[in-house]
Amino acid sequence: MHWVLDVVFREYALKVRDPDGAKYLALFSRPALNLLRQHQGKKDSLAGKRRRAGWSPTFRSELLFS
């Protein structure tokens, strides 16, 4: 799980100085990873799906609401 989070969200490259900030970051990244994994549409990589969700509001709403 840690390797996937690092590859998809680049967690180790982030400079989070506050320990509580790291907890909150993990609070959002793990459910987001689960949403990306559950998506059954186009067969992109997890990192590709994350980037596509950032660029396309329609794909983002497809991830969240279907």
PDB file of N, CA and C in Angstrom:
ATOM      1  N   MET A   1       0.824  -1.185   0.000  1.00  0.00           N
ATOM      2  CA  MET A   1       0.000   0.000   0.000  1.00  0.00           C
ATOM      3  C   MET A   1       0.872   1.253   0.000  1.00  0.00           C
ATOM      4  N   HIS A   2       1.961   1.249   0.756  1.00  0.00           N
ATOM      5  CA  HIS A   2       2.806   2.438   0.816  1.00  0.00           C
ATOM      6  C   HIS A   2       3.465   2.714  -0.528  1.00  0.00           C
ATOM      7  N   TRP A   3       3.865   1.654  -1.223  1.00  0.00           N
ATOM      8  CA  TRP A   3       4.490   1.842  -2.514  1.00  0.00           C
ATOM      9  C   TRP A   3       3.493   2.417  -3.516  1.00  0.00           C
ATOM     10  N   VAL A   4       2.277   1.913  -3.498  1.00  0.00           N
ATOM     11  CA  VAL A   4       1.246   2.409  -4.417  1.00  0.00           C
ATOM     12  C   VAL A   4       0.933   3.868  -4.121  1.00  0.00           C
ATOM     13  N   LEU A   5       0.817   4.224  -2.855  1.00  0.00           N
ATOM     14  CA  LEU A   5       0.548   5.612  -2.500  1.00  0.00           C
ATOM     15  C   LEU A   5       1.698   6.521  -2.929  1.00  0.00           C
ATOM     16  N   ASP A   6       2.924   6.037  -2.849  1.00  0.00           N
ATOM     17  CA  ASP A   6       4.056   6.849  -3.274  1.00  0.00           C
ATOM     18  C   ASP A   6       4.068   7.020  -4.787  1.00  0.00           C
ATOM     19  N   VAL A   7       3.775   5.961  -5.520  1.00  0.00           N
ATOM     20  CA  VAL A   7       3.796   6.043  -6.979  1.00  0.00           C
ATOM     21  C   VAL A   7       2.632   6.877  -7.498  1.00  0.00           C
ATOM     22  N   VAL A   8       1.442   6.677  -6.967  1.00  0.00           N
ATOM     23  CA  VAL A   8       0.257   7.357  -7.483  1.00  0.00           C
ATOM     24  C   VAL A   8       0.192   8.801  -7.004  1.00  0.00           C
ATOM     25  N   PHE A   9       0.421   9.043  -5.717  1.00  0.00           N
ATOM     26  CA  PHE A   9       0.253  10.373  -5.145  1.00  0.00           C
ATOM     27  C   PHE A   9       1.572  11.084  -4.832  1.00  0.00           C
ATOM     28  N   ARG A  10       2.713  10.409  -5.062  1.00  0.00           N
ATOM     29  CA  ARG A  10       4.032  10.988  -4.772  1.00  0.00           C
ATOM     30  C   ARG A  10       4.127  11.476  -3.329  1.00  0.00           C
ATOM     31  N   GLU A  11       3.745  10.622  -2.399  1.00  0.00           N
ATOM     32  CA  GLU A  11       3.712  11.022  -0.992  1.00  0.00           C
ATOM     33  C   GLU A  11       5.084  11.360  -0.435  1.00  0.00           C
ATOM     34  N   TYR A  12       6.115  10.631  -0.829  1.00  0.00           N
ATOM     35  CA  TYR A  12       7.436  10.885  -0.250  1.00  0.00           C
ATOM     36  C   TYR A  12       8.055  12.171  -0.794  1.00  0.00           C
ATOM     37  N   ALA A  13       7.592  12.647  -1.923  1.00  0.00           N
ATOM     38  CA  ALA A  13       8.119  13.887  -2.492  1.00  0.00           C
ATOM     39  C   ALA A  13       7.494  15.125  -1.858  1.00  0.00           C
ATOM     40  N   LEU A  14       6.397  14.944  -1.140  1.00  0.00           N
ATOM     41  CA  LEU A  14       5.726  16.080  -0.517  1.00  0.00           C
ATOM     42  C   LEU A  14       6.478  16.518   0.731  1.00  0.00           C
ATOM     43  N   LYS A  15       6.517  17.800   0.953  1.00  0.00           N
ATOM     44  CA  LYS A  15       7.201  18.354   2.116  1.00  0.00           C
ATOM     45  C   LYS A  15       6.166  18.777   3.156  1.00  0.00           C
ATOM     46  N   VAL A  16       5.653  17.801   3.889  1.00  0.00           N
ATOM     47  CA  VAL A  16       4.681  18.073   4.942  1.00  0.00           C
ATOM     48  C   VAL A  16       5.440  18.149   6.254  1.00  0.00           C
ATOM     49  N   ARG A  17       5.494  19.326   6.832  1.00  0.00           N
ATOM     50  CA  ARG A  17       6.267  19.520   8.052  1.00  0.00           C
ATOM     51  C   ARG A  17       5.448  19.259   9.315  1.00  0.00           C
ATOM     52  N   ASP A  18       4.172  19.462   9.234  1.00  0.00           N
ATOM     53  CA  ASP A  18       3.302  19.277  10.393  1.00  0.00           C
ATOM     54  C   ASP A  18       2.875  17.809  10.477  1.00  0.00           C
ATOM     55  N   PRO A  19       3.064  17.133  11.610  1.00  0.00           N
ATOM     56  CA  PRO A  19       2.648  15.730  11.722  1.00  0.00           C
ATOM     57  C   PRO A  19       1.143  15.548  11.518  1.00  0.00           C
ATOM     58  N   ASP A  20       0.359  16.529  11.953  1.00  0.00           N
ATOM     59  CA  ASP A  20      -1.083  16.416  11.726  1.00  0.00           C
ATOM     60  C   ASP A  20      -1.424  16.554  10.250  1.00  0.00           C
ATOM     61  N   GLY A  21      -0.634  17.327   9.526  1.00  0.00           N
ATOM     62  CA  GLY A  21      -0.850  17.475   8.088  1.00  0.00           C
ATOM     63  C   GLY A  21      -0.660  16.160   7.363  1.00  0.00           C
ATOM     64  N   ALA A  22       0.313  15.367   7.787  1.00  0.00           N
ATOM     65  CA  ALA A  22       0.542  14.056   7.184  1.00  0.00           C
ATOM     66  C   ALA A  22      -0.641  13.126   7.456  1.00  0.00           C
ATOM     67  N   LYS A  23      -1.226  13.223   8.635  1.00  0.00           N
ATOM     68  CA  LYS A  23      -2.400  12.400   8.955  1.00  0.00           C
ATOM     69  C   LYS A  23      -3.577  12.770   8.073  1.00  0.00           C
ATOM     70  N   TYR A  24      -3.783  14.080   7.885  1.00  0.00           N
ATOM     71  CA  TYR A  24      -4.902  14.526   7.061  1.00  0.00           C
ATOM     72  C   TYR A  24      -4.678  14.189   5.592  1.00  0.00           C
ATOM     73  N   LEU A  25      -3.439  14.226   5.151  1.00  0.00           N
ATOM     74  CA  LEU A  25      -3.127  13.846   3.785  1.00  0.00           C
ATOM     75  C   LEU A  25      -3.451  12.370   3.554  1.00  0.00           C
ATOM     76  N   ALA A  26      -3.095  11.530   4.497  1.00  0.00           N
ATOM     77  CA  ALA A  26      -3.406  10.108   4.394  1.00  0.00           C
ATOM     78  C   ALA A  26      -4.904   9.864   4.491  1.00  0.00           C
ATOM     79  N   LEU A  27      -5.596  10.705   5.250  1.00  0.00           N
ATOM     80  CA  LEU A  27      -7.041  10.576   5.389  1.00  0.00           C
ATOM     81  C   LEU A  27      -7.741  10.757   4.048  1.00  0.00           C
ATOM     82  N   PHE A  28      -7.203  11.597   3.176  1.00  0.00           N
ATOM     83  CA  PHE A  28      -7.816  11.827   1.872  1.00  0.00           C
ATOM     84  C   PHE A  28      -7.243  10.943   0.771  1.00  0.00           C
ATOM     85  N   SER A  29      -5.973  10.581   0.859  1.00  0.00           N
ATOM     86  CA  SER A  29      -5.370   9.825  -0.236  1.00  0.00           C
ATOM     87  C   SER A  29      -5.807   8.364  -0.265  1.00  0.00           C
ATOM     88  N   ARG A  30      -6.034   7.752   0.872  1.00  0.00           N
ATOM     89  CA  ARG A  30      -6.441   6.336   0.865  1.00  0.00           C
ATOM     90  C   ARG A  30      -7.842   6.117   0.307  1.00  0.00           C
ATOM     91  N   PRO A  31      -8.844   6.912   0.698  1.00  0.00           N
ATOM     92  CA  PRO A  31     -10.156   6.745   0.041  1.00  0.00           C
ATOM     93  C   PRO A  31     -10.121   7.101  -1.444  1.00  0.00           C
ATOM     94  N   ALA A  32      -9.295   8.086  -1.813  1.00  0.00           N
ATOM     95  CA  ALA A  32      -9.172   8.430  -3.232  1.00  0.00           C
ATOM     96  C   ALA A  32      -8.564   7.268  -4.008  1.00  0.00           C
ATOM     97  N   LEU A  33      -7.591   6.590  -3.431  1.00  0.00           N
ATOM     98  CA  LEU A  33      -7.001   5.426  -4.070  1.00  0.00           C
ATOM     99  C   LEU A  33      -8.042   4.322  -4.245  1.00  0.00           C
ATOM    100  N   ASN A  34      -8.893   4.117  -3.256  1.00  0.00           N
ATOM    101  CA  ASN A  34      -9.940   3.107  -3.367  1.00  0.00           C
ATOM    102  C   ASN A  34     -10.935   3.453  -4.469  1.00  0.00           C
ATOM    103  N   LEU A  35     -11.279   4.727  -4.610  1.00  0.00           N
ATOM    104  CA  LEU A  35     -12.167   5.137  -5.699  1.00  0.00           C
ATOM    105  C   LEU A  35     -11.533   4.863  -7.057  1.00  0.00           C
ATOM    106  N   LEU A  36     -10.251   5.145  -7.183  1.00  0.00           N
ATOM    107  CA  LEU A  36      -9.565   4.888  -8.448  1.00  0.00           C
ATOM    108  C   LEU A  36      -9.512   3.401  -8.762  1.00  0.00           C
ATOM    109  N   ARG A  37      -9.304   2.589  -7.755  1.00  0.00           N
ATOM    110  CA  ARG A  37      -9.242   1.136  -7.968  1.00  0.00           C
ATOM    111  C   ARG A  37     -10.597   0.545  -8.346  1.00  0.00           C
ATOM    112  N   GLN A  38     -11.674   1.100  -7.829  1.00  0.00           N
ATOM    113  CA  GLN A  38     -13.009   0.553  -8.091  1.00  0.00           C
ATOM    114  C   GLN A  38     -13.555   0.950  -9.450  1.00  0.00           C
ATOM    115  N   HIS A  39     -12.960   1.925 -10.097  1.00  0.00           N
ATOM    116  CA  HIS A  39     -13.475   2.391 -11.381  1.00  0.00           C
ATOM    117  C   HIS A  39     -13.290   1.305 -12.443  1.00  0.00           C
ATOM    118  N   GLN A  40     -14.362   0.984 -13.165  1.00  0.00           N
ATOM    119  CA  GLN A  40     -14.334  -0.088 -14.149  1.00  0.00           C
ATOM    120  C   GLN A  40     -14.335   0.413 -15.586  1.00  0.00           C
ATOM    121  N   GLY A  41     -14.125   1.678 -15.808  1.00  0.00           N
ATOM    122  CA  GLY A  41     -14.158   2.244 -17.156  1.00  0.00           C
ATOM    123  C   GLY A  41     -12.890   1.934 -17.925  1.00  0.00           C
ATOM    124  N   LYS A  42     -12.357   2.958 -18.571  1.00  0.00           N
ATOM    125  CA  LYS A  42     -11.154   2.826 -19.375  1.00  0.00           C
ATOM    126  C   LYS A  42     -10.004   2.288 -18.529  1.00  0.00           C
ATOM    127  N   LYS A  43      -9.240   1.384 -19.091  1.00  0.00           N
ATOM    128  CA  LYS A  43      -8.159   0.720 -18.358  1.00  0.00           C
ATOM    129  C   LYS A  43      -6.889   1.561 -18.353  1.00  0.00           C
ATOM    130  N   ASP A  44      -6.883   2.622 -17.567  1.00  0.00           N
ATOM    131  CA  ASP A  44      -5.696   3.446 -17.358  1.00  0.00           C
ATOM    132  C   ASP A  44      -4.978   2.970 -16.114  1.00  0.00           C
ATOM    133  N   SER A  45      -3.759   3.457 -15.938  1.00  0.00           N
ATOM    134  CA  SER A  45      -3.062   3.200 -14.684  1.00  0.00           C
ATOM    135  C   SER A  45      -3.708   4.043 -13.586  1.00  0.00           C
ATOM    136  N   LEU A  46      -3.392   3.733 -12.349  1.00  0.00           N
ATOM    137  CA  LEU A  46      -3.944   4.509 -11.243  1.00  0.00           C
ATOM    138  C   LEU A  46      -3.469   5.957 -11.295  1.00  0.00           C
ATOM    139  N   ALA A  47      -2.192   6.147 -11.626  1.00  0.00           N
ATOM    140  CA  ALA A  47      -1.676   7.512 -11.736  1.00  0.00           C
ATOM    141  C   ALA A  47      -2.344   8.239 -12.895  1.00  0.00           C
ATOM    142  N   GLY A  48      -2.599   7.548 -13.982  1.00  0.00           N
ATOM    143  CA  GLY A  48      -3.286   8.152 -15.117  1.00  0.00           C
ATOM    144  C   GLY A  48      -4.713   8.534 -14.782  1.00  0.00           C
ATOM    145  N   LYS A  49      -5.388   7.681 -14.033  1.00  0.00           N
ATOM    146  CA  LYS A  49      -6.752   8.000 -13.599  1.00  0.00           C
ATOM    147  C   LYS A  49      -6.762   9.205 -12.660  1.00  0.00           C
ATOM    148  N   ARG A  50      -5.746   9.312 -11.798  1.00  0.00           N
ATOM    149  CA  ARG A  50      -5.672  10.444 -10.887  1.00  0.00           C
ATOM    150  C   ARG A  50      -5.476  11.741 -11.658  1.00  0.00           C
ATOM    151  N   ARG A  51      -4.572  11.710 -12.633  1.00  0.00           N
ATOM    152  CA  ARG A  51      -4.353  12.913 -13.450  1.00  0.00           C
ATOM    153  C   ARG A  51      -5.595  13.259 -14.253  1.00  0.00           C
ATOM    154  N   ARG A  52      -6.236  12.260 -14.820  1.00  0.00           N
ATOM    155  CA  ARG A  52      -7.450  12.498 -15.610  1.00  0.00           C
ATOM    156  C   ARG A  52      -8.569  13.071 -14.753  1.00  0.00           C
ATOM    157  N   ALA A  53      -8.676  12.620 -13.508  1.00  0.00           N
ATOM    158  CA  ALA A  53      -9.689  13.169 -12.597  1.00  0.00           C
ATOM    159  C   ALA A  53      -9.384  14.621 -12.256  1.00  0.00           C
ATOM    160  N   GLY A  54      -8.117  14.986 -12.224  1.00  0.00           N
ATOM    161  CA  GLY A  54      -7.750  16.371 -11.979  1.00  0.00           C
ATOM    162  C   GLY A  54      -8.036  17.279 -13.157  1.00  0.00           C
ATOM    163  N   TRP A  55      -7.975  16.735 -14.361  1.00  0.00           N
ATOM    164  CA  TRP A  55      -8.172  17.540 -15.565  1.00  0.00           C
ATOM    165  C   TRP A  55      -9.622  17.604 -16.004  1.00  0.00           C
ATOM    166  N   SER A  56     -10.376  16.540 -15.790  1.00  0.00           N
ATOM    167  CA  SER A  56     -11.713  16.445 -16.359  1.00  0.00           C
ATOM    168  C   SER A  56     -12.781  16.408 -15.264  1.00  0.00           C
ATOM    169  N   PRO A  57     -13.632  17.434 -15.198  1.00  0.00           N
ATOM    170  CA  PRO A  57     -14.696  17.410 -14.198  1.00  0.00           C
ATOM    171  C   PRO A  57     -15.717  16.292 -14.443  1.00  0.00           C
ATOM    172  N   THR A  58     -15.917  15.920 -15.689  1.00  0.00           N
ATOM    173  CA  THR A  58     -16.876  14.837 -15.964  1.00  0.00           C
ATOM    174  C   THR A  58     -16.343  13.501 -15.472  1.00  0.00           C
ATOM    175  N   PHE A  59     -15.042  13.240 -15.678  1.00  0.00           N
ATOM    176  CA  PHE A  59     -14.465  11.998 -15.176  1.00  0.00           C
ATOM    177  C   PHE A  59     -14.433  11.988 -13.653  1.00  0.00           C
ATOM    178  N   ARG A  60     -14.145  13.133 -13.054  1.00  0.00           N
ATOM    179  CA  ARG A  60     -14.147  13.236 -11.589  1.00  0.00           C
ATOM    180  C   ARG A  60     -15.520  12.922 -11.028  1.00  0.00           C
ATOM    181  N   SER A  61     -16.572  13.450 -11.642  1.00  0.00           N
ATOM    182  CA  SER A  61     -17.923  13.156 -11.155  1.00  0.00           C
ATOM    183  C   SER A  61     -18.291  11.695 -11.427  1.00  0.00           C
ATOM    184  N   GLU A  62     -17.751  11.114 -12.504  1.00  0.00           N
ATOM    185  CA  GLU A  62     -17.974   9.689 -12.760  1.00  0.00           C
ATOM    186  C   GLU A  62     -17.337   8.831 -11.675  1.00  0.00           C
ATOM    187  N   LEU A  63     -16.154   9.221 -11.222  1.00  0.00           N
ATOM    188  CA  LEU A  63     -15.499   8.488 -10.145  1.00  0.00           C
ATOM    189  C   LEU A  63     -16.273   8.601  -8.833  1.00  0.00           C
ATOM    190  N   LEU A  64     -16.751   9.795  -8.541  1.00  0.00           N
ATOM    191  CA  LEU A  64     -17.385  10.033  -7.251  1.00  0.00           C
ATOM    192  C   LEU A  64     -18.812   9.499  -7.162  1.00  0.00           C
ATOM    193  N   PHE A  65     -19.551   9.549  -8.249  1.00  0.00           N
ATOM    194  CA  PHE A  65     -20.979   9.273  -8.168  1.00  0.00           C
ATOM    195  C   PHE A  65     -21.429   8.008  -8.878  1.00  0.00           C
ATOM    196  N   SER A  66     -20.527   7.211  -9.405  1.00  0.00           N
ATOM    197  CA  SER A  66     -20.979   5.950 -10.021  1.00  0.00           C
ATOM    198  C   SER A  66     -20.305   4.754  -9.431  1.00  0.00           C
TER     199      SER A  66
END
